[in-house]
Protein backbone atom coordinates (compact mmCIF):
# COMPACT_ATOMS: atom_id res chain seq x y z
CA MET A 1 19.80 -31.54 30.60
CA LYS A 2 20.60 -28.19 32.19
CA HIS A 3 18.10 -29.19 34.88
CA ILE A 4 20.20 -32.14 36.10
CA PRO A 5 19.26 -32.34 39.81
CA LEU A 6 22.77 -32.13 41.29
CA THR A 7 23.53 -31.63 44.96
CA ASN A 8 26.93 -31.04 46.55
CA ARG A 9 27.49 -32.46 50.04
CA PHE A 10 31.21 -31.92 49.56
CA LEU A 11 30.58 -28.18 49.98
CA ASP A 12 29.32 -28.84 53.51
CA LEU A 13 32.74 -30.13 54.59
CA GLY A 14 34.17 -26.61 54.60
CA SER A 15 36.26 -24.36 52.40
CA GLN A 16 39.51 -26.06 53.43
CA PHE A 17 38.46 -29.05 51.29
CA TYR A 18 38.16 -27.26 47.96
CA LYS A 19 38.35 -24.12 45.89
CA GLN A 20 35.25 -23.09 44.02
CA SER A 21 36.12 -23.17 40.32
CA LYS A 22 34.01 -22.77 37.23
CA PRO A 23 34.81 -24.49 33.93
CA VAL A 24 36.50 -22.24 31.40
CA PRO A 25 34.43 -22.08 28.18
CA VAL A 26 35.97 -23.45 24.98
CA ALA A 27 35.79 -22.08 21.46
CA ALA A 28 33.87 -24.63 19.43
CA PRO A 29 32.83 -27.79 21.29
CA THR A 30 31.60 -30.84 19.41
CA LEU A 31 30.07 -33.91 21.01
CA ILE A 32 31.99 -37.13 20.25
CA LYS A 33 30.00 -39.53 22.38
CA LEU A 34 27.24 -39.46 24.98
CA ASN A 35 27.03 -42.65 27.04
CA LYS A 36 23.28 -43.21 26.94
CA GLU A 37 23.53 -46.47 28.86
CA LEU A 38 25.21 -44.73 31.80
CA ALA A 39 22.87 -41.74 31.55
CA SER A 40 19.92 -44.10 31.89
CA ILE A 41 21.49 -45.83 34.92
CA MET A 42 21.92 -42.40 36.50
CA GLY A 43 18.28 -41.56 35.87
CA LEU A 44 19.00 -38.99 33.16
CA SER A 45 16.54 -39.04 30.30
CA THR A 46 18.07 -39.14 26.84
CA ASP A 47 14.74 -38.85 25.04
CA ASN A 48 14.33 -35.82 22.79
CA LEU A 49 17.82 -34.58 23.61
CA ASN A 50 18.91 -31.12 22.56
CA LEU A 51 22.38 -32.06 21.33
CA SER A 52 23.52 -28.45 21.35
CA GLU A 53 22.61 -28.12 25.02
CA VAL A 54 24.24 -31.48 25.84
CA THR A 55 27.44 -30.39 24.10
CA MET A 56 27.49 -27.09 25.97
CA ILE A 57 27.13 -28.83 29.36
CA PHE A 58 29.70 -31.56 28.77
CA SER A 59 32.25 -29.10 27.41
CA GLY A 60 31.88 -26.86 30.45
CA ASN A 61 30.46 -23.99 28.43
CA GLN A 62 27.18 -24.21 30.32
CA VAL A 63 27.01 -25.20 33.99
CA PRO A 64 23.88 -27.06 35.16
CA GLU A 65 21.65 -24.76 37.20
CA SER A 66 21.90 -26.93 40.33
CA SER A 67 25.71 -27.24 40.22
CA SER A 68 28.17 -25.58 42.58
CA PRO A 69 31.41 -26.46 40.76
CA LEU A 70 34.65 -26.88 42.68
CA ALA A 71 38.14 -28.33 42.55
CA MET A 72 39.05 -30.74 45.36
CA ALA A 73 42.17 -30.34 47.47
CA TYR A 74 44.47 -33.32 48.00
CA SER A 75 48.09 -34.32 48.41
CA GLY A 76 49.87 -37.35 47.03
CA SER A 77 52.81 -39.68 47.38
CA GLN A 78 54.13 -39.61 43.83
CA PHE A 79 56.60 -42.39 43.04
CA GLY A 80 57.24 -42.59 46.77
CA SER A 81 57.85 -38.87 47.37
CA PHE A 82 55.23 -36.86 49.21
CA ASN A 83 53.83 -33.75 47.55
CA PRO A 84 51.72 -31.81 50.06
CA GLN A 85 49.88 -29.67 47.51
CA LEU A 86 48.22 -31.21 44.47
CA GLY A 87 44.46 -31.00 44.02
CA ASP A 88 42.26 -31.04 40.93
CA GLY A 89 44.43 -29.18 38.48
CA ARG A 90 42.42 -30.05 35.39
CA ALA A 91 39.19 -31.45 36.79
CA ILE A 92 36.10 -29.69 38.12
CA TYR A 93 33.53 -31.43 40.29
CA LEU A 94 29.98 -30.49 39.29
CA GLY A 95 28.19 -32.31 42.11
CA GLU A 96 26.41 -35.54 42.89
CA LEU A 97 23.29 -37.07 41.43
CA ASN A 98 21.25 -38.97 44.01
CA GLN A 99 18.86 -41.78 43.17
CA PRO A 100 15.78 -42.84 45.17
CA ASN A 101 17.50 -46.16 45.96
CA GLY A 102 20.26 -44.31 47.82
CA LYS A 103 22.85 -44.65 45.05
CA SER A 104 24.90 -41.51 44.41
CA TYR A 105 26.94 -40.57 41.34
CA ASP A 106 29.66 -37.93 41.46
CA VAL A 107 30.05 -36.01 38.21
CA GLN A 108 33.27 -34.32 37.13
CA LEU A 109 34.60 -32.55 34.05
CA LYS A 110 38.20 -33.41 33.17
CA GLY A 111 40.12 -31.01 30.95
CA SER A 112 37.77 -28.10 31.58
CA GLY A 113 40.33 -25.38 32.35
CA ARG A 114 42.54 -23.97 35.05
CA THR A 115 41.71 -24.22 38.74
CA ALA A 116 43.43 -22.95 41.87
CA TYR A 117 45.41 -26.22 41.89
CA SER A 118 46.63 -26.11 38.28
CA ARG A 119 50.00 -24.68 39.32
CA ASN A 120 51.76 -24.00 36.00
CA GLY A 121 49.38 -26.16 33.96
CA ASP A 122 46.67 -25.07 31.58
CA GLY A 123 43.95 -27.24 33.12
CA ARG A 124 43.19 -28.69 29.72
CA SER A 125 43.42 -32.20 28.30
CA ALA A 126 44.63 -33.29 24.91
CA LEU A 127 42.06 -35.24 22.93
CA GLY A 128 44.07 -38.49 23.05
CA PRO A 129 43.85 -39.01 26.83
CA VAL A 130 40.11 -38.26 26.73
CA LEU A 131 39.56 -40.99 24.15
CA ARG A 132 41.85 -43.39 26.02
CA GLU A 133 40.01 -42.92 29.32
CA TYR A 134 36.60 -43.24 27.70
CA LEU A 135 37.54 -46.50 25.96
CA VAL A 136 39.43 -48.11 28.82
CA SER A 137 37.11 -47.12 31.67
CA GLU A 138 34.04 -48.30 29.78
CA ALA A 139 35.83 -51.51 28.80
CA MET A 140 36.57 -52.10 32.48
CA VAL A 141 32.85 -51.90 33.25
CA LYS A 142 32.14 -54.68 30.77
CA LEU A 143 35.09 -56.67 32.16
CA ASN A 144 33.47 -56.46 35.61
CA VAL A 145 36.17 -54.31 37.19
CA PRO A 146 35.14 -51.52 39.63
CA THR A 147 35.89 -48.23 37.92
CA THR A 148 35.00 -44.64 37.30
CA ARG A 149 32.92 -44.28 34.14
CA ALA A 150 32.74 -42.01 31.12
CA LEU A 151 29.48 -40.15 30.57
CA ALA A 152 30.53 -38.00 27.62
CA ALA A 153 33.47 -36.88 25.50
CA VAL A 154 33.76 -33.69 23.47
CA THR A 155 36.33 -31.89 21.37
CA THR A 156 36.96 -28.27 22.28
CA GLY A 157 37.81 -26.66 18.96
CA GLU A 158 41.03 -25.46 20.58
CA GLU A 159 44.60 -26.72 20.56
CA VAL A 160 46.62 -27.64 23.63
CA ALA A 161 50.39 -27.65 23.85
CA ARG A 162 52.05 -30.87 24.99
CA GLU A 163 54.99 -32.37 23.09
CA THR A 164 53.35 -30.72 20.08
CA LEU A 165 50.18 -28.75 19.46
CA GLY A 166 47.10 -30.92 19.20
CA PRO A 167 43.32 -30.83 19.57
CA GLY A 168 41.82 -30.59 23.04
CA GLY A 169 39.02 -32.56 24.63
CA VAL A 170 36.87 -32.71 27.76
CA LEU A 171 35.76 -35.92 29.46
CA THR A 172 32.76 -36.10 31.76
CA ARG A 173 33.41 -38.88 34.20
CA VAL A 174 31.33 -40.43 36.94
CA ALA A 175 32.37 -42.13 40.17
CA SER A 176 30.88 -43.28 43.43
CA SER A 177 33.53 -41.02 44.98
CA PHE A 178 36.44 -38.86 43.88
CA VAL A 179 38.00 -38.90 47.35
CA ARG A 180 41.50 -40.35 47.29
CA VAL A 181 44.07 -41.54 49.80
CA GLY A 182 45.80 -38.26 48.97
CA THR A 183 42.75 -36.33 50.20
CA PHE A 184 43.32 -37.74 53.68
CA GLN A 185 47.06 -37.10 53.39
CA TYR A 186 46.36 -33.43 52.66
CA PHE A 187 44.90 -32.92 56.13
CA ALA A 188 47.23 -35.34 57.90
CA ALA A 189 50.17 -33.26 56.69
CA LYS A 190 48.57 -30.24 58.38
CA GLY A 191 47.86 -32.16 61.58
CA ASP A 192 44.16 -31.41 61.03
CA ILE A 193 42.52 -34.41 62.70
CA LYS A 194 39.14 -32.72 62.80
CA SER A 195 39.07 -32.46 59.00
CA ILE A 196 40.26 -36.08 58.65
CA GLN A 197 37.29 -37.14 60.77
CA LYS A 198 34.87 -35.00 58.75
CA LEU A 199 36.22 -36.51 55.54
CA ALA A 200 35.93 -40.05 56.92
CA ASP A 201 32.34 -39.35 58.00
CA TYR A 202 31.54 -38.05 54.52
CA VAL A 203 33.00 -41.14 52.78
CA ILE A 204 31.32 -43.54 55.20
CA GLU A 205 27.96 -41.87 54.64
CA ARG A 206 28.42 -41.95 50.86
CA ASN A 207 30.19 -45.27 50.27
CA TYR A 208 30.19 -47.43 53.41
CA LYS A 209 26.87 -46.68 55.07
CA SER A 210 26.46 -50.26 56.35
CA ILE A 211 29.29 -49.82 58.87
CA LYS A 212 27.83 -46.71 60.55
CA ALA A 213 26.31 -48.72 63.38
CA THR A 214 29.52 -50.59 64.23
CA GLU A 215 31.39 -50.02 67.48
CA ASN A 216 34.49 -48.53 65.82
CA GLN A 217 33.26 -47.25 62.46
CA TYR A 218 36.58 -45.67 61.49
CA LEU A 219 38.46 -48.92 61.93
CA GLU A 220 35.72 -50.78 60.05
CA PHE A 221 35.96 -48.17 57.31
CA PHE A 222 39.67 -48.83 56.96
CA LYS A 223 39.09 -52.60 56.92
CA ALA A 224 36.54 -52.19 54.14
CA VAL A 225 38.89 -50.02 52.05
CA VAL A 226 41.65 -52.62 52.42
CA VAL A 227 39.39 -55.43 51.21
CA ARG A 228 38.08 -53.42 48.26
CA GLN A 229 41.57 -52.43 47.18
CA ALA A 230 42.84 -56.00 47.45
CA LYS A 231 39.97 -57.28 45.31
CA LEU A 232 40.43 -54.47 42.77
CA ILE A 233 44.13 -55.10 42.22
CA ALA A 234 43.49 -58.85 41.97
CA LYS A 235 41.10 -58.12 39.09
CA TRP A 236 43.75 -55.97 37.38
CA MET A 237 46.22 -58.83 37.63
CA GLN A 238 43.73 -61.34 36.25
CA LEU A 239 43.31 -59.23 33.11
CA GLY A 240 46.92 -58.16 32.58
CA PHE A 241 46.02 -54.54 33.32
CA ILE A 242 48.72 -52.10 34.38
CA HIS A 243 47.50 -48.88 35.96
CA GLY A 244 50.74 -47.05 35.29
CA VAL A 245 50.72 -44.42 38.05
CA MET A 246 49.59 -45.87 41.38
CA ASN A 247 50.35 -42.71 43.34
CA THR A 248 48.20 -42.17 46.42
CA ASP A 249 46.43 -39.30 44.67
CA ASN A 250 45.32 -41.84 42.05
CA MET A 251 43.87 -44.31 44.55
CA SER A 252 40.15 -44.02 45.27
CA VAL A 253 38.99 -44.89 48.78
CA ALA A 254 35.81 -46.26 47.18
CA GLY A 255 37.78 -49.13 45.63
CA GLU A 256 37.32 -48.04 42.02
CA THR A 257 39.94 -47.79 39.29
CA ILE A 258 40.55 -44.08 38.82
CA ASP A 259 42.74 -41.82 36.66
CA TYR A 260 43.42 -43.64 33.42
CA GLY A 261 46.62 -41.89 32.40
CA PRO A 262 49.46 -44.08 31.09
CA CYS A 263 47.48 -47.27 31.69
CA ALA A 264 47.71 -50.30 29.43
CA PHE A 265 46.77 -53.95 28.99
CA MET A 266 49.68 -56.29 28.38
CA ASP A 267 50.20 -57.96 25.05
CA GLU A 268 53.11 -60.38 25.65
CA PHE A 269 53.16 -61.51 29.27
CA ASN A 270 55.93 -60.04 31.37
CA HIS A 271 56.00 -59.84 35.18
CA ASN A 272 58.02 -56.64 34.95
CA GLN A 273 56.05 -54.95 32.19
CA VAL A 274 55.94 -51.14 32.33
CA TYR A 275 54.33 -48.85 29.77
CA SER A 276 54.29 -45.49 31.53
CA PHE A 277 56.91 -43.18 30.07
CA ILE A 278 57.52 -41.59 33.48
CA ASP A 279 57.96 -44.88 35.39
CA ARG A 280 61.60 -45.37 34.46
CA GLY A 281 62.38 -47.38 37.58
CA GLY A 282 59.49 -49.81 37.22
CA ARG A 283 57.89 -48.87 40.54
CA TYR A 284 54.42 -49.54 39.12
CA ALA A 285 55.26 -52.54 36.95
CA TYR A 286 52.65 -55.29 36.60
CA SER A 287 54.02 -57.53 39.37
CA ASN A 288 54.57 -54.59 41.72
CA GLN A 289 50.92 -53.56 41.80
CA PRO A 290 49.87 -55.77 44.76
CA PRO A 291 52.67 -54.57 47.12
CA ILE A 292 52.15 -50.97 46.00
CA GLY A 293 48.51 -51.35 46.98
CA LEU A 294 49.67 -52.21 50.49
CA TRP A 295 52.14 -49.30 50.49
CA ASN A 296 49.33 -46.90 49.60
CA LEU A 297 47.03 -48.36 52.24
CA THR A 298 49.78 -47.89 54.81
CA ARG A 299 49.79 -44.19 53.94
CA LEU A 300 46.03 -44.13 54.51
CA ALA A 301 46.48 -45.89 57.85
CA GLU A 302 48.91 -43.19 58.94
CA CYS A 303 46.18 -40.61 58.35
CA LEU A 304 43.40 -42.53 60.11
CA VAL A 305 45.31 -43.78 63.16
CA PRO A 306 44.13 -40.90 65.42
CA LEU A 307 40.53 -42.02 64.81
CA PHE A 308 41.05 -45.68 65.76
CA ALA A 309 41.66 -45.27 69.49
CA GLU A 310 42.46 -42.61 72.06
CA GLU A 311 45.82 -44.17 72.94
CA THR A 312 48.30 -43.91 70.08
CA GLU A 313 49.95 -47.27 70.79
CA THR A 314 46.59 -49.06 70.71
CA ALA A 315 45.57 -47.26 67.52
CA VAL A 316 48.83 -48.19 65.78
CA GLU A 317 48.43 -51.85 66.71
CA LEU A 318 44.89 -51.85 65.34
CA ALA A 319 46.14 -50.34 62.08
CA LYS A 320 48.93 -52.90 61.79
CA GLU A 321 46.50 -55.75 62.31
CA VAL A 322 44.28 -54.53 59.47
CA LEU A 323 47.25 -53.97 57.15
CA GLN A 324 48.45 -57.50 57.87
CA SER A 325 45.11 -58.79 56.58
CA TYR A 326 45.69 -57.25 53.15
CA GLU A 327 47.91 -60.04 51.83
CA ALA A 328 45.38 -62.74 52.74
CA SER A 329 42.53 -60.72 51.18
CA TYR A 330 44.52 -60.20 48.01
CA GLU A 331 45.70 -63.82 47.76
CA LYS A 332 42.14 -65.10 48.21
CA ALA A 333 40.75 -62.74 45.56
CA TRP A 334 43.64 -63.48 43.20
CA LEU A 335 43.37 -67.27 43.52
CA THR A 336 39.57 -67.24 43.23
CA GLY A 337 39.71 -65.21 40.02
CA MET A 338 42.59 -67.15 38.55
CA ARG A 339 40.88 -70.47 39.20
CA MET A 340 37.94 -69.23 37.17
CA LYS A 341 40.29 -68.26 34.32
CA PHE A 342 41.88 -71.73 34.41
CA GLY A 343 38.60 -73.67 34.68
CA LEU A 344 39.21 -74.80 38.26
CA THR A 345 36.68 -74.75 41.07
CA GLU A 346 37.11 -73.36 44.56
CA THR A 347 38.21 -75.71 47.34
CA GLU A 348 38.55 -75.58 51.09
CA ASP A 349 41.78 -77.55 50.95
CA LYS A 350 44.94 -75.54 51.75
CA VAL A 351 47.16 -78.15 50.09
CA ARG A 352 45.04 -77.91 46.94
CA ASP A 353 45.28 -74.11 47.13
CA LEU A 354 49.06 -74.31 47.06
CA GLN A 355 49.02 -76.84 44.23
CA ASP A 356 46.66 -74.72 42.14
CA LYS A 357 48.71 -71.59 42.79
CA LYS A 358 51.83 -73.42 41.63
CA LEU A 359 50.06 -74.64 38.48
CA ILE A 360 48.82 -71.12 37.70
CA GLU A 361 52.16 -69.44 38.30
CA SER A 362 53.98 -72.05 36.24
CA LEU A 363 51.90 -71.11 33.19
CA PHE A 364 52.88 -67.46 33.64
CA GLU A 365 56.53 -68.48 33.72
CA VAL A 366 56.12 -70.43 30.48
CA MET A 367 54.26 -67.48 28.94
CA GLN A 368 57.02 -65.05 29.88
CA LEU A 369 59.83 -67.26 28.60
CA ASN A 370 57.98 -67.80 25.33
CA HIS A 371 56.60 -64.28 24.75
CA ALA A 372 53.00 -65.49 24.73
CA ASP A 373 50.15 -63.01 24.48
CA PHE A 374 48.27 -62.71 27.79
CA THR A 375 44.71 -62.37 26.53
CA LEU A 376 44.98 -64.79 23.59
CA THR A 377 46.56 -67.49 25.78
CA PHE A 378 43.47 -67.60 27.96
CA PHE A 379 41.12 -67.17 25.00
CA HIS A 380 42.47 -70.35 23.41
CA LEU A 381 42.84 -72.18 26.73
CA SER A 382 39.15 -71.68 27.42
CA ARG A 383 38.32 -73.53 24.21
CA LEU A 384 40.39 -76.67 24.80
CA ASN A 385 38.95 -80.08 25.65
CA ILE A 386 40.07 -82.19 28.55
CA LYS A 387 41.52 -84.60 26.01
CA GLN A 388 44.33 -83.46 23.75
CA SER A 389 43.13 -82.54 20.27
CA GLY A 390 44.01 -80.56 17.15
CA ILE A 391 42.59 -77.35 18.61
CA ASP A 392 45.62 -77.25 20.92
CA ASN A 393 47.63 -76.02 17.94
CA GLU A 394 46.13 -72.52 18.00
CA LEU A 395 47.35 -72.11 21.58
CA LYS A 396 50.76 -73.59 20.79
CA LYS A 397 51.30 -71.02 18.02
CA LEU A 398 51.50 -68.29 20.67
CA PHE A 399 54.62 -69.81 22.23
CA ASP A 400 58.18 -69.60 20.90
CA LYS A 401 58.72 -73.20 22.00
CA PRO A 402 55.43 -75.14 21.68
CA GLU A 403 56.81 -78.07 23.65
CA ALA A 404 56.95 -75.88 26.75
CA ILE A 405 53.19 -75.35 26.77
CA GLU A 406 52.61 -79.01 25.85
CA LEU A 407 54.24 -80.09 29.10
CA TRP A 408 52.14 -77.62 31.06
CA LEU A 409 48.92 -78.74 29.36
CA VAL A 410 49.53 -82.30 30.58
CA LYS A 411 49.55 -81.04 34.18
CA TRP A 412 46.51 -78.83 33.58
CA ARG A 413 44.47 -81.66 32.09
CA GLN A 414 45.46 -83.92 34.95
CA ARG A 415 44.08 -81.29 37.34
CA LEU A 416 40.89 -80.96 35.26
CA SER A 417 40.33 -84.70 35.56
CA GLU A 418 39.66 -84.13 39.25
CA GLU A 419 36.85 -81.69 38.46
CA THR A 420 33.18 -82.72 38.26
CA THR A 421 32.13 -80.14 35.65
CA ASN A 422 32.00 -81.45 32.08
CA ASP A 423 33.95 -79.89 29.21
CA ALA A 424 31.08 -77.80 27.92
CA GLY A 425 30.26 -76.38 31.34
CA ARG A 426 33.89 -75.63 32.13
CA GLN A 427 34.49 -73.98 28.75
CA PHE A 428 31.39 -71.84 29.19
CA ASN A 429 32.51 -70.73 32.65
CA MET A 430 36.03 -69.92 31.44
CA GLN A 431 34.69 -67.93 28.52
CA THR A 432 32.67 -65.70 30.85
CA VAL A 433 35.88 -64.41 32.49
CA ASN A 434 38.47 -64.66 29.71
CA PRO A 435 37.83 -61.83 27.24
CA VAL A 436 38.19 -62.02 23.48
CA TYR A 437 38.68 -58.27 23.20
CA ILE A 438 40.54 -55.76 25.35
CA PRO A 439 41.47 -52.14 24.55
CA ARG A 440 44.91 -52.99 23.25
CA ASN A 441 47.52 -50.23 23.11
CA HIS A 442 47.96 -50.28 19.35
CA LEU A 443 44.21 -50.12 18.79
CA ILE A 444 43.89 -47.10 21.06
CA GLU A 445 46.86 -45.47 19.35
CA ALA A 446 45.14 -45.96 15.98
CA VAL A 447 41.98 -44.37 17.39
CA ILE A 448 43.95 -41.39 18.70
CA ARG A 449 45.89 -40.86 15.49
CA ALA A 450 42.72 -40.92 13.38
CA ALA A 451 40.98 -38.49 15.73
CA GLU A 452 43.83 -36.07 16.37
CA ASP A 453 45.33 -36.09 12.88
CA HIS A 454 42.20 -36.36 10.73
CA ASN A 455 39.24 -35.51 13.00
CA ASP A 456 37.97 -39.01 12.22
CA PHE A 457 36.17 -40.84 15.05
CA THR A 458 35.11 -43.89 13.05
CA LEU A 459 37.72 -46.16 14.72
CA PHE A 460 36.78 -44.80 18.16
CA HIS A 461 33.12 -45.71 17.72
CA GLU A 462 33.88 -49.11 16.21
CA LEU A 463 36.32 -50.10 18.95
CA GLN A 464 33.96 -48.85 21.64
CA THR A 465 31.15 -50.97 20.16
CA VAL A 466 33.35 -54.09 20.07
CA LEU A 467 34.39 -53.56 23.69
CA GLU A 468 30.74 -53.47 24.75
CA ASN A 469 30.77 -57.30 24.49
CA PRO A 470 34.34 -58.34 25.36
CA PHE A 471 33.55 -62.01 26.04
CA THR A 472 31.65 -62.66 22.80
CA LEU A 473 33.40 -63.56 19.55
CA GLN A 474 32.09 -61.04 17.01
CA GLU A 475 31.92 -61.79 13.31
CA GLY A 476 34.29 -59.76 11.17
CA MET A 477 36.12 -58.27 14.16
CA ASP A 478 39.23 -60.47 14.19
CA LYS A 479 41.55 -57.47 13.97
CA TYR A 480 40.37 -56.34 17.39
CA MET A 481 41.44 -59.55 19.11
CA LEU A 482 44.89 -59.83 17.55
CA PRO A 483 48.11 -58.57 19.15
CA PRO A 484 50.10 -55.85 17.38
CA GLU A 485 52.45 -56.47 14.51
CA PRO A 486 56.07 -55.52 15.37
CA GLU A 487 55.69 -52.09 13.79
CA GLN A 488 52.46 -51.47 15.79
CA VAL A 489 53.87 -52.16 19.26
CA VAL A 490 53.38 -49.26 21.66
CA GLU A 491 56.36 -49.07 24.00
CA ASN A 492 55.35 -46.01 26.06
CA THR A 493 52.10 -44.45 27.24
CA PHE A 494 51.63 -40.93 28.58
CA CYS A 495 49.35 -39.29 31.12
CA GLY A 496 48.47 -36.31 28.94
CA THR A 497 48.94 -33.69 31.66
């Protein structure tokens, strides 16, 4: 694998975009997992693998011959406050792998040692965050959510100091782009419009090639980013996913979920749910994710405005018009996805749209008041018949006051009676979007404890296998679909920096 045919177009942008940085070798790397499915998609052969060589590459101890490793420069609005100098402090970009069909894959090592942007950090990652990102990012793929992916995970044979000393790890992750809103902010803060344009050209060529022939490609680029971000956040909301740290340096302009730090899937439904230990004010709570998406996009607009038109006033108006379209894009994506979860079909009737939205939101209110589990509510709902039956009882058990959901089910069934799809067809459709299994917090915590405390990766491999088929009920795997017992509840998650 040392002959991975990597290229690096990012180098061509100029030295102001990065600092060349090589991974820092580790003492005794051991391969935890190589994602052979992803390797195959990327065109990397996994036949007759030399595991020693693979381990050396994905730990950073051996750099592929074609790689020109670097750390990317970027800024970021962190919890609303702008930090002009961030950059890849514990990640090193190895290059891109190009396929004959035009598809490109950016490859990056995370936790591979200090870079010029590490500031006072060690550039390393604890093992726990590596396992968390591998599990959650790969689960997102199977849940049909745009995301970065995990190609490999290794232990380093070294300890890192966080709250306590613990084993270190390195994650190899893959994306269609590692350019963030914060990358544009980095040059906007310097007033460097030329570099903003070069960066926009690079992203358009890599990720939005279809708009190159348009009259105003920079405006079309911004429109496309807005739509992708709206659709992405709608998918998060439909699964009860909470990113945790939606800073602009954690927002990919390719529309992929990136940077799985203190992320989590909800157990009990709560509009204001927060898991991130550092989000004490709830800025990135579940229900705040859609407006924060718009806030981040507004920061991107501020960077791109000089490219939209020669006259500033005209450019600003164009930016405002695109930003105003975000809410409609999000609402459409949200309602479309939610209708699928609820077994309802799309309509062209605005009155029906409002009625369906009210029906959907009313269930969330009942769920919140009754501490119902998000994923299990929809799992059981997708198995109900249009006529009331005994199988309703499994759903009712999730609610503190069963009568509350009984009243809602009457309204839901009345709405289903207006559908043309039969029960079996509707149930099948619902079960293709309502997962049985998600990477629940307590399950990930159990994986981390076994790995960090006992060097035991059995739970990691088992959970990862279950999450490969999240919509299929798997025999003997009931424990992976159940919510935590009171003593298993994870109140806080951490980024691992």
